[in-house]
Amino acid sequence: MLPFHATFPDGGNGLEAGLADMLDRMKTGRLNVAEHLAEWGQEFRLYHRKDGRVVKEQDDLLSATRYALMMLRFAKTEPAPGKWFGRRIEYPKMGWM
């Protein structure tokens, strides 16, 4: 958890910018949603506009995804535990090499 609300790197948090980023990531394969996440897919299919404005009803999962993408710059991964971490991979000598 971060001590501040979700924003883009420029400080903005516009809905349209977030939706455009999400759609662009989906089109380029940088955002994939697993098939078993049926509730997310249902929200995505129900997302629509009325009089040019996005209808924000039953969109909790899509909003959470949009917020996560806004804050992606703060994402960190932990080093993988195990005997291979930090070791150089050494291949066995083969007779044909």
PDB file of N, CA and C in Angstrom:
ATOM      1  N   MET A   1       0.841  -1.174   0.000  1.00  0.00           N
ATOM      2  CA  MET A   1       0.000   0.000   0.000  1.00  0.00           C
ATOM      3  C   MET A   1       0.890   1.243   0.000  1.00  0.00           C
ATOM      4  N   LEU A   2       0.486   2.191  -0.797  1.00  0.00           N
ATOM      5  CA  LEU A   2       1.230   3.446  -0.869  1.00  0.00           C
ATOM      6  C   LEU A   2       0.484   4.519  -0.089  1.00  0.00           C
ATOM      7  N   PRO A   3       1.193   5.503   0.433  1.00  0.00           N
ATOM      8  CA  PRO A   3       0.555   6.535   1.250  1.00  0.00           C
ATOM      9  C   PRO A   3      -0.122   7.653   0.456  1.00  0.00           C
ATOM     10  N   PHE A   4      -0.293   7.459  -0.854  1.00  0.00           N
ATOM     11  CA  PHE A   4      -0.931   8.488  -1.674  1.00  0.00           C
ATOM     12  C   PHE A   4      -1.815   7.825  -2.719  1.00  0.00           C
ATOM     13  N   HIS A   5      -2.704   8.618  -3.309  1.00  0.00           N
ATOM     14  CA  HIS A   5      -3.662   8.051  -4.262  1.00  0.00           C
ATOM     15  C   HIS A   5      -3.027   7.836  -5.627  1.00  0.00           C
ATOM     16  N   ALA A   6      -3.691   7.046  -6.446  1.00  0.00           N
ATOM     17  CA  ALA A   6      -3.177   6.669  -7.759  1.00  0.00           C
ATOM     18  C   ALA A   6      -3.179   7.856  -8.721  1.00  0.00           C
ATOM     19  N   THR A   7      -2.050   8.059  -9.371  1.00  0.00           N
ATOM     20  CA  THR A   7      -1.915   9.105 -10.385  1.00  0.00           C
ATOM     21  C   THR A   7      -1.004   8.611 -11.491  1.00  0.00           C
ATOM     22  N   PHE A   8      -1.086   9.263 -12.619  1.00  0.00           N
ATOM     23  CA  PHE A   8      -0.137   9.020 -13.697  1.00  0.00           C
ATOM     24  C   PHE A   8       1.173   9.715 -13.342  1.00  0.00           C
ATOM     25  N   PRO A   9       2.257   9.417 -14.055  1.00  0.00           N
ATOM     26  CA  PRO A   9       3.536  10.068 -13.743  1.00  0.00           C
ATOM     27  C   PRO A   9       3.477  11.598 -13.769  1.00  0.00           C
ATOM     28  N   ASP A  10       2.589  12.160 -14.604  1.00  0.00           N
ATOM     29  CA  ASP A  10       2.482  13.628 -14.679  1.00  0.00           C
ATOM     30  C   ASP A  10       1.607  14.216 -13.572  1.00  0.00           C
ATOM     31  N   GLY A  11       1.060  13.369 -12.704  1.00  0.00           N
ATOM     32  CA  GLY A  11       0.237  13.845 -11.597  1.00  0.00           C
ATOM     33  C   GLY A  11      -1.249  13.785 -11.860  1.00  0.00           C
ATOM     34  N   GLY A  12      -1.655  13.563 -13.092  1.00  0.00           N
ATOM     35  CA  GLY A  12      -3.068  13.494 -13.426  1.00  0.00           C
ATOM     36  C   GLY A  12      -3.665  12.141 -13.088  1.00  0.00           C
ATOM     37  N   ASN A  13      -4.988  12.095 -13.085  1.00  0.00           N
ATOM     38  CA  ASN A  13      -5.673  10.822 -12.842  1.00  0.00           C
ATOM     39  C   ASN A  13      -6.965  10.732 -13.658  1.00  0.00           C
ATOM     40  N   GLY A  14      -6.921  11.248 -14.871  1.00  0.00           N
ATOM     41  CA  GLY A  14      -8.105  11.297 -15.716  1.00  0.00           C
ATOM     42  C   GLY A  14      -8.619   9.923 -16.137  1.00  0.00           C
ATOM     43  N   LEU A  15      -9.929   9.796 -16.129  1.00  0.00           N
ATOM     44  CA  LEU A  15     -10.580   8.553 -16.522  1.00  0.00           C
ATOM     45  C   LEU A  15     -10.290   8.217 -17.979  1.00  0.00           C
ATOM     46  N   GLU A  16     -10.437   9.179 -18.861  1.00  0.00           N
ATOM     47  CA  GLU A  16     -10.243   8.927 -20.293  1.00  0.00           C
ATOM     48  C   GLU A  16      -8.804   8.510 -20.595  1.00  0.00           C
ATOM     49  N   ALA A  17      -7.844   9.143 -19.948  1.00  0.00           N
ATOM     50  CA  ALA A  17      -6.438   8.781 -20.157  1.00  0.00           C
ATOM     51  C   ALA A  17      -6.181   7.362 -19.671  1.00  0.00           C
ATOM     52  N   GLY A  18      -6.773   7.000 -18.542  1.00  0.00           N
ATOM     53  CA  GLY A  18      -6.613   5.653 -18.006  1.00  0.00           C
ATOM     54  C   GLY A  18      -7.227   4.604 -18.912  1.00  0.00           C
ATOM     55  N   LEU A  19      -8.398   4.898 -19.445  1.00  0.00           N
ATOM     56  CA  LEU A  19      -9.056   3.958 -20.355  1.00  0.00           C
ATOM     57  C   LEU A  19      -8.268   3.813 -21.658  1.00  0.00           C
ATOM     58  N   ALA A  20      -7.740   4.924 -22.158  1.00  0.00           N
ATOM     59  CA  ALA A  20      -6.951   4.874 -23.393  1.00  0.00           C
ATOM     60  C   ALA A  20      -5.688   4.042 -23.171  1.00  0.00           C
ATOM     61  N   ASP A  21      -5.040   4.209 -22.021  1.00  0.00           N
ATOM     62  CA  ASP A  21      -3.842   3.430 -21.704  1.00  0.00           C
ATOM     63  C   ASP A  21      -4.181   1.948 -21.603  1.00  0.00           C
ATOM     64  N   MET A  22      -5.282   1.631 -20.932  1.00  0.00           N
ATOM     65  CA  MET A  22      -5.700   0.248 -20.776  1.00  0.00           C
ATOM     66  C   MET A  22      -5.992  -0.388 -22.140  1.00  0.00           C
ATOM     67  N   LEU A  23      -6.717   0.311 -22.983  1.00  0.00           N
ATOM     68  CA  LEU A  23      -7.058  -0.203 -24.308  1.00  0.00           C
ATOM     69  C   LEU A  23      -5.808  -0.388 -25.160  1.00  0.00           C
ATOM     70  N   ASP A  24      -4.892   0.570 -25.105  1.00  0.00           N
ATOM     71  CA  ASP A  24      -3.646   0.460 -25.861  1.00  0.00           C
ATOM     72  C   ASP A  24      -2.849  -0.757 -25.403  1.00  0.00           C
ATOM     73  N   ARG A  25      -2.770  -0.974 -24.097  1.00  0.00           N
ATOM     74  CA  ARG A  25      -2.042  -2.134 -23.576  1.00  0.00           C
ATOM     75  C   ARG A  25      -2.714  -3.441 -23.998  1.00  0.00           C
ATOM     76  N   MET A  26      -4.027  -3.464 -24.044  1.00  0.00           N
ATOM     77  CA  MET A  26      -4.729  -4.671 -24.472  1.00  0.00           C
ATOM     78  C   MET A  26      -4.470  -4.944 -25.955  1.00  0.00           C
ATOM     79  N   LYS A  27      -4.494  -3.912 -26.774  1.00  0.00           N
ATOM     80  CA  LYS A  27      -4.279  -4.077 -28.214  1.00  0.00           C
ATOM     81  C   LYS A  27      -2.863  -4.534 -28.538  1.00  0.00           C
ATOM     82  N   THR A  28      -1.887  -4.087 -27.749  1.00  0.00           N
ATOM     83  CA  THR A  28      -0.486  -4.429 -28.028  1.00  0.00           C
ATOM     84  C   THR A  28      -0.019  -5.660 -27.251  1.00  0.00           C
ATOM     85  N   GLY A  29      -0.913  -6.283 -26.501  1.00  0.00           N
ATOM     86  CA  GLY A  29      -0.557  -7.503 -25.783  1.00  0.00           C
ATOM     87  C   GLY A  29       0.185  -7.286 -24.482  1.00  0.00           C
ATOM     88  N   ARG A  30       0.239  -6.044 -24.001  1.00  0.00           N
ATOM     89  CA  ARG A  30       0.922  -5.772 -22.736  1.00  0.00           C
ATOM     90  C   ARG A  30      -0.008  -5.895 -21.538  1.00  0.00           C
ATOM     91  N   LEU A  31      -1.305  -6.057 -21.800  1.00  0.00           N
ATOM     92  CA  LEU A  31      -2.286  -6.314 -20.746  1.00  0.00           C
ATOM     93  C   LEU A  31      -3.148  -7.476 -21.203  1.00  0.00           C
ATOM     94  N   ASN A  32      -3.015  -8.580 -20.515  1.00  0.00           N
ATOM     95  CA  ASN A  32      -3.801  -9.767 -20.816  1.00  0.00           C
ATOM     96  C   ASN A  32      -4.585 -10.141 -19.573  1.00  0.00           C
ATOM     97  N   VAL A  33      -5.813 -10.538 -19.775  1.00  0.00           N
ATOM     98  CA  VAL A  33      -6.661 -10.963 -18.662  1.00  0.00           C
ATOM     99  C   VAL A  33      -6.979 -12.436 -18.880  1.00  0.00           C
ATOM    100  N   ALA A  34      -6.706 -13.234 -17.878  1.00  0.00           N
ATOM    101  CA  ALA A  34      -6.918 -14.679 -17.991  1.00  0.00           C
ATOM    102  C   ALA A  34      -8.395 -14.986 -18.223  1.00  0.00           C
ATOM    103  N   GLU A  35      -8.642 -16.041 -18.980  1.00  0.00           N
ATOM    104  CA  GLU A  35     -10.012 -16.409 -19.347  1.00  0.00           C
ATOM    105  C   GLU A  35     -10.878 -16.762 -18.145  1.00  0.00           C
ATOM    106  N   HIS A  36     -10.275 -17.295 -17.084  1.00  0.00           N
ATOM    107  CA  HIS A  36     -11.074 -17.715 -15.936  1.00  0.00           C
ATOM    108  C   HIS A  36     -11.562 -16.537 -15.084  1.00  0.00           C
ATOM    109  N   LEU A  37     -11.134 -15.327 -15.409  1.00  0.00           N
ATOM    110  CA  LEU A  37     -11.604 -14.140 -14.680  1.00  0.00           C
ATOM    111  C   LEU A  37     -12.886 -13.615 -15.333  1.00  0.00           C
ATOM    112  N   ALA A  38     -13.931 -14.401 -15.193  1.00  0.00           N
ATOM    113  CA  ALA A  38     -15.202 -14.124 -15.877  1.00  0.00           C
ATOM    114  C   ALA A  38     -15.825 -12.801 -15.435  1.00  0.00           C
ATOM    115  N   GLU A  39     -15.693 -12.458 -14.164  1.00  0.00           N
ATOM    116  CA  GLU A  39     -16.301 -11.215 -13.678  1.00  0.00           C
ATOM    117  C   GLU A  39     -15.663 -10.001 -14.346  1.00  0.00           C
ATOM    118  N   TRP A  40     -14.341 -10.052 -14.559  1.00  0.00           N
ATOM    119  CA  TRP A  40     -13.650  -8.950 -15.235  1.00  0.00           C
ATOM    120  C   TRP A  40     -14.168  -8.827 -16.667  1.00  0.00           C
ATOM    121  N   GLY A  41     -14.274  -9.947 -17.345  1.00  0.00           N
ATOM    122  CA  GLY A  41     -14.769  -9.937 -18.719  1.00  0.00           C
ATOM    123  C   GLY A  41     -16.191  -9.428 -18.821  1.00  0.00           C
ATOM    124  N   GLN A  42     -17.009  -9.790 -17.848  1.00  0.00           N
ATOM    125  CA  GLN A  42     -18.385  -9.323 -17.856  1.00  0.00           C
ATOM    126  C   GLN A  42     -18.441  -7.809 -17.681  1.00  0.00           C
ATOM    127  N   GLU A  43     -17.647  -7.275 -16.747  1.00  0.00           N
ATOM    128  CA  GLU A  43     -17.603  -5.818 -16.567  1.00  0.00           C
ATOM    129  C   GLU A  43     -17.122  -5.136 -17.842  1.00  0.00           C
ATOM    130  N   PHE A  44     -16.113  -5.724 -18.487  1.00  0.00           N
ATOM    131  CA  PHE A  44     -15.569  -5.139 -19.709  1.00  0.00           C
ATOM    132  C   PHE A  44     -16.635  -5.087 -20.805  1.00  0.00           C
ATOM    133  N   ARG A  45     -17.398  -6.146 -20.932  1.00  0.00           N
ATOM    134  CA  ARG A  45     -18.448  -6.177 -21.959  1.00  0.00           C
ATOM    135  C   ARG A  45     -19.579  -5.198 -21.645  1.00  0.00           C
ATOM    136  N   LEU A  46     -19.841  -4.931 -20.363  1.00  0.00           N
ATOM    137  CA  LEU A  46     -20.920  -4.018 -19.980  1.00  0.00           C
ATOM    138  C   LEU A  46     -20.496  -2.549 -19.984  1.00  0.00           C
ATOM    139  N   TYR A  47     -19.201  -2.280 -20.072  1.00  0.00           N
ATOM    140  CA  TYR A  47     -18.692  -0.905 -20.061  1.00  0.00           C
ATOM    141  C   TYR A  47     -19.228  -0.191 -21.293  1.00  0.00           C
ATOM    142  N   HIS A  48     -19.793   0.972 -21.107  1.00  0.00           N
ATOM    143  CA  HIS A  48     -20.350   1.705 -22.241  1.00  0.00           C
ATOM    144  C   HIS A  48     -20.401   3.200 -21.953  1.00  0.00           C
ATOM    145  N   ARG A  49     -20.780   3.946 -22.961  1.00  0.00           N
ATOM    146  CA  ARG A  49     -20.930   5.402 -22.843  1.00  0.00           C
ATOM    147  C   ARG A  49     -22.387   5.771 -23.086  1.00  0.00           C
ATOM    148  N   LYS A  50     -22.788   6.818 -22.415  1.00  0.00           N
ATOM    149  CA  LYS A  50     -24.126   7.359 -22.629  1.00  0.00           C
ATOM    150  C   LYS A  50     -23.960   8.867 -22.779  1.00  0.00           C
ATOM    151  N   ASP A  51     -24.431   9.394 -23.869  1.00  0.00           N
ATOM    152  CA  ASP A  51     -24.269  10.817 -24.183  1.00  0.00           C
ATOM    153  C   ASP A  51     -22.798  11.226 -24.171  1.00  0.00           C
ATOM    154  N   GLY A  52     -21.919  10.337 -24.634  1.00  0.00           N
ATOM    155  CA  GLY A  52     -20.503  10.645 -24.741  1.00  0.00           C
ATOM    156  C   GLY A  52     -19.698  10.477 -23.463  1.00  0.00           C
ATOM    157  N   ARG A  53     -20.350  10.112 -22.373  1.00  0.00           N
ATOM    158  CA  ARG A  53     -19.655   9.955 -21.091  1.00  0.00           C
ATOM    159  C   ARG A  53     -19.695   8.492 -20.663  1.00  0.00           C
ATOM    160  N   VAL A  54     -18.615   8.048 -20.030  1.00  0.00           N
ATOM    161  CA  VAL A  54     -18.537   6.669 -19.548  1.00  0.00           C
ATOM    162  C   VAL A  54     -19.524   6.488 -18.397  1.00  0.00           C
ATOM    163  N   VAL A  55     -20.307   5.422 -18.466  1.00  0.00           N
ATOM    164  CA  VAL A  55     -21.248   5.092 -17.391  1.00  0.00           C
ATOM    165  C   VAL A  55     -20.474   4.296 -16.347  1.00  0.00           C
ATOM    166  N   LYS A  56     -20.296   4.883 -15.173  1.00  0.00           N
ATOM    167  CA  LYS A  56     -19.501   4.259 -14.124  1.00  0.00           C
ATOM    168  C   LYS A  56     -20.397   3.497 -13.155  1.00  0.00           C
ATOM    169  N   GLU A  57     -20.900   2.374 -13.617  1.00  0.00           N
ATOM    170  CA  GLU A  57     -21.716   1.496 -12.781  1.00  0.00           C
ATOM    171  C   GLU A  57     -21.170   0.090 -12.907  1.00  0.00           C
ATOM    172  N   GLN A  58     -21.040  -0.600 -11.807  1.00  0.00           N
ATOM    173  CA  GLN A  58     -20.542  -1.973 -11.777  1.00  0.00           C
ATOM    174  C   GLN A  58     -19.228  -2.091 -12.539  1.00  0.00           C
ATOM    175  N   ASP A  59     -18.272  -1.219 -12.189  1.00  0.00           N
ATOM    176  CA  ASP A  59     -16.978  -1.202 -12.879  1.00  0.00           C
ATOM    177  C   ASP A  59     -15.806  -1.312 -11.907  1.00  0.00           C
ATOM    178  N   ASP A  60     -16.027  -1.942 -10.759  1.00  0.00           N
ATOM    179  CA  ASP A  60     -14.993  -1.995  -9.728  1.00  0.00           C
ATOM    180  C   ASP A  60     -13.713  -2.679 -10.200  1.00  0.00           C
ATOM    181  N   LEU A  61     -13.821  -3.801 -10.884  1.00  0.00           N
ATOM    182  CA  LEU A  61     -12.635  -4.523 -11.338  1.00  0.00           C
ATOM    183  C   LEU A  61     -11.884  -3.743 -12.415  1.00  0.00           C
ATOM    184  N   LEU A  62     -12.611  -3.110 -13.315  1.00  0.00           N
ATOM    185  CA  LEU A  62     -11.960  -2.307 -14.351  1.00  0.00           C
ATOM    186  C   LEU A  62     -11.283  -1.089 -13.744  1.00  0.00           C
ATOM    187  N   SER A  63     -11.905  -0.480 -12.761  1.00  0.00           N
ATOM    188  CA  SER A  63     -11.292   0.671 -12.094  1.00  0.00           C
ATOM    189  C   SER A  63     -10.030   0.252 -11.358  1.00  0.00           C
ATOM    190  N   ALA A  64     -10.077  -0.891 -10.686  1.00  0.00           N
ATOM    191  CA  ALA A  64      -8.894  -1.387  -9.980  1.00  0.00           C
ATOM    192  C   ALA A  64      -7.756  -1.662 -10.961  1.00  0.00           C
ATOM    193  N   THR A  65      -8.090  -2.199 -12.127  1.00  0.00           N
ATOM    194  CA  THR A  65      -7.078  -2.457 -13.154  1.00  0.00           C
ATOM    195  C   THR A  65      -6.491  -1.148 -13.649  1.00  0.00           C
ATOM    196  N   ARG A  66      -7.345  -0.167 -13.854  1.00  0.00           N
ATOM    197  CA  ARG A  66      -6.889   1.151 -14.319  1.00  0.00           C
ATOM    198  C   ARG A  66      -5.969   1.807 -13.298  1.00  0.00           C
ATOM    199  N   TYR A  67      -6.329   1.726 -12.021  1.00  0.00           N
ATOM    200  CA  TYR A  67      -5.481   2.281 -10.960  1.00  0.00           C
ATOM    201  C   TYR A  67      -4.146   1.552 -10.888  1.00  0.00           C
ATOM    202  N   ALA A  68      -4.169   0.238 -11.039  1.00  0.00           N
ATOM    203  CA  ALA A  68      -2.930  -0.541 -11.012  1.00  0.00           C
ATOM    204  C   ALA A  68      -2.002  -0.122 -12.153  1.00  0.00           C
ATOM    205  N   LEU A  69      -2.568   0.118 -13.331  1.00  0.00           N
ATOM    206  CA  LEU A  69      -1.746   0.548 -14.462  1.00  0.00           C
ATOM    207  C   LEU A  69      -1.184   1.944 -14.239  1.00  0.00           C
ATOM    208  N   MET A  70      -1.941   2.804 -13.584  1.00  0.00           N
ATOM    209  CA  MET A  70      -1.451   4.145 -13.285  1.00  0.00           C
ATOM    210  C   MET A  70      -0.218   4.092 -12.391  1.00  0.00           C
ATOM    211  N   MET A  71      -0.216   3.150 -11.468  1.00  0.00           N
ATOM    212  CA  MET A  71       0.851   3.078 -10.469  1.00  0.00           C
ATOM    213  C   MET A  71       1.899   2.016 -10.802  1.00  0.00           C
ATOM    214  N   LEU A  72       1.897   1.525 -12.019  1.00  0.00           N
ATOM    215  CA  LEU A  72       2.824   0.478 -12.422  1.00  0.00           C
ATOM    216  C   LEU A  72       4.282   0.880 -12.207  1.00  0.00           C
ATOM    217  N   ARG A  73       4.564   2.164 -12.240  1.00  0.00           N
ATOM    218  CA  ARG A  73       5.941   2.626 -12.076  1.00  0.00           C
ATOM    219  C   ARG A  73       6.496   2.332 -10.686  1.00  0.00           C
ATOM    220  N   PHE A  74       5.629   2.029  -9.721  1.00  0.00           N
ATOM    221  CA  PHE A  74       6.077   1.712  -8.367  1.00  0.00           C
ATOM    222  C   PHE A  74       6.154   0.205  -8.111  1.00  0.00           C
ATOM    223  N   ALA A  75       5.823  -0.598  -9.099  1.00  0.00           N
ATOM    224  CA  ALA A  75       5.817  -2.047  -8.922  1.00  0.00           C
ATOM    225  C   ALA A  75       7.245  -2.559  -8.753  1.00  0.00           C
ATOM    226  N   LYS A  76       7.408  -3.523  -7.864  1.00  0.00           N
ATOM    227  CA  LYS A  76       8.708  -4.139  -7.620  1.00  0.00           C
ATOM    228  C   LYS A  76       8.516  -5.639  -7.535  1.00  0.00           C
ATOM    229  N   THR A  77       9.517  -6.357  -7.949  1.00  0.00           N
ATOM    230  CA  THR A  77       9.490  -7.804  -7.795  1.00  0.00           C
ATOM    231  C   THR A  77      10.537  -8.204  -6.777  1.00  0.00           C
ATOM    232  N   GLU A  78      10.264  -9.263  -6.082  1.00  0.00           N
ATOM    233  CA  GLU A  78      11.213  -9.779  -5.104  1.00  0.00           C
ATOM    234  C   GLU A  78      12.120 -10.775  -5.800  1.00  0.00           C
ATOM    235  N   PRO A  79      13.373 -10.871  -5.378  1.00  0.00           N
ATOM    236  CA  PRO A  79      14.245 -11.870  -5.982  1.00  0.00           C
ATOM    237  C   PRO A  79      13.713 -13.278  -5.729  1.00  0.00           C
ATOM    238  N   ALA A  80      13.851 -14.113  -6.705  1.00  0.00           N
ATOM    239  CA  ALA A  80      13.371 -15.486  -6.579  1.00  0.00           C
ATOM    240  C   ALA A  80      14.260 -16.256  -5.607  1.00  0.00           C
ATOM    241  N   PRO A  81      13.664 -16.871  -4.611  1.00  0.00           N
ATOM    242  CA  PRO A  81      14.484 -17.650  -3.679  1.00  0.00           C
ATOM    243  C   PRO A  81      14.913 -18.963  -4.316  1.00  0.00           C
ATOM    244  N   GLY A  82      15.962 -19.502  -3.814  1.00  0.00           N
ATOM    245  CA  GLY A  82      16.381 -20.809  -4.318  1.00  0.00           C
ATOM    246  C   GLY A  82      17.861 -20.862  -4.604  1.00  0.00           C
ATOM    247  N   LYS A  83      18.295 -22.034  -4.926  1.00  0.00           N
ATOM    248  CA  LYS A  83      19.720 -22.254  -5.108  1.00  0.00           C
ATOM    249  C   LYS A  83      20.276 -21.613  -6.378  1.00  0.00           C
ATOM    250  N   TRP A  84      19.425 -21.236  -7.337  1.00  0.00           N
ATOM    251  CA  TRP A  84      19.920 -20.691  -8.590  1.00  0.00           C
ATOM    252  C   TRP A  84      20.091 -19.176  -8.548  1.00  0.00           C
ATOM    253  N   PHE A  85      19.525 -18.541  -7.562  1.00  0.00           N
ATOM    254  CA  PHE A  85      19.572 -17.077  -7.543  1.00  0.00           C
ATOM    255  C   PHE A  85      21.008 -16.582  -7.397  1.00  0.00           C
ATOM    256  N   GLY A  86      21.424 -15.739  -8.296  1.00  0.00           N
ATOM    257  CA  GLY A  86      22.734 -15.120  -8.225  1.00  0.00           C
ATOM    258  C   GLY A  86      23.882 -15.986  -8.725  1.00  0.00           C
ATOM    259  N   ARG A  87      23.590 -17.205  -9.148  1.00  0.00           N
ATOM    260  CA  ARG A  87      24.649 -18.086  -9.629  1.00  0.00           C
ATOM    261  C   ARG A  87      24.741 -18.028 -11.143  1.00  0.00           C
ATOM    262  N   ARG A  88      25.925 -18.190 -11.625  1.00  0.00           N
ATOM    263  CA  ARG A  88      26.145 -18.268 -13.065  1.00  0.00           C
ATOM    264  C   ARG A  88      25.763 -19.670 -13.528  1.00  0.00           C
ATOM    265  N   ILE A  89      25.090 -19.767 -14.635  1.00  0.00           N
ATOM    266  CA  ILE A  89      24.699 -21.068 -15.157  1.00  0.00           C
ATOM    267  C   ILE A  89      25.901 -21.694 -15.852  1.00  0.00           C
ATOM    268  N   GLU A  90      26.236 -22.893 -15.449  1.00  0.00           N
ATOM    269  CA  GLU A  90      27.350 -23.607 -16.063  1.00  0.00           C
ATOM    270  C   GLU A  90      26.797 -24.843 -16.763  1.00  0.00           C
ATOM    271  N   TYR A  91      27.175 -24.993 -18.011  1.00  0.00           N
ATOM    272  CA  TYR A  91      26.703 -26.113 -18.801  1.00  0.00           C
ATOM    273  C   TYR A  91      27.744 -27.232 -18.773  1.00  0.00           C
ATOM    274  N   PRO A  92      27.297 -28.475 -18.761  1.00  0.00           N
ATOM    275  CA  PRO A  92      28.251 -29.591 -18.753  1.00  0.00           C
ATOM    276  C   PRO A  92      28.999 -29.673 -20.082  1.00  0.00           C
ATOM    277  N   LYS A  93      30.220 -30.159 -20.024  1.00  0.00           N
ATOM    278  CA  LYS A  93      31.025 -30.316 -21.228  1.00  0.00           C
ATOM    279  C   LYS A  93      30.475 -31.478 -22.050  1.00  0.00           C
ATOM    280  N   MET A  94      30.258 -31.241 -23.304  1.00  0.00           N
ATOM    281  CA  MET A  94      29.769 -32.274 -24.208  1.00  0.00           C
ATOM    282  C   MET A  94      30.894 -32.679 -25.137  1.00  0.00           C
ATOM    283  N   GLY A  95      30.900 -33.932 -25.549  1.00  0.00           N
ATOM    284  CA  GLY A  95      31.954 -34.424 -26.428  1.00  0.00           C
ATOM    285  C   GLY A  95      31.985 -33.755 -27.785  1.00  0.00           C
ATOM    286  N   TRP A  96      30.858 -33.245 -28.240  1.00  0.00           N
ATOM    287  CA  TRP A  96      30.798 -32.663 -29.575  1.00  0.00           C
ATOM    288  C   TRP A  96      31.067 -31.171 -29.572  1.00  0.00           C
ATOM    289  N   MET A  97      31.298 -30.582 -28.408  1.00  0.00           N
ATOM    290  CA  MET A  97      31.511 -29.122 -28.323  1.00  0.00           C
ATOM    291  C   MET A  97      32.953 -28.748 -28.518  1.00  0.00           C
TER     292      MET A  97
END
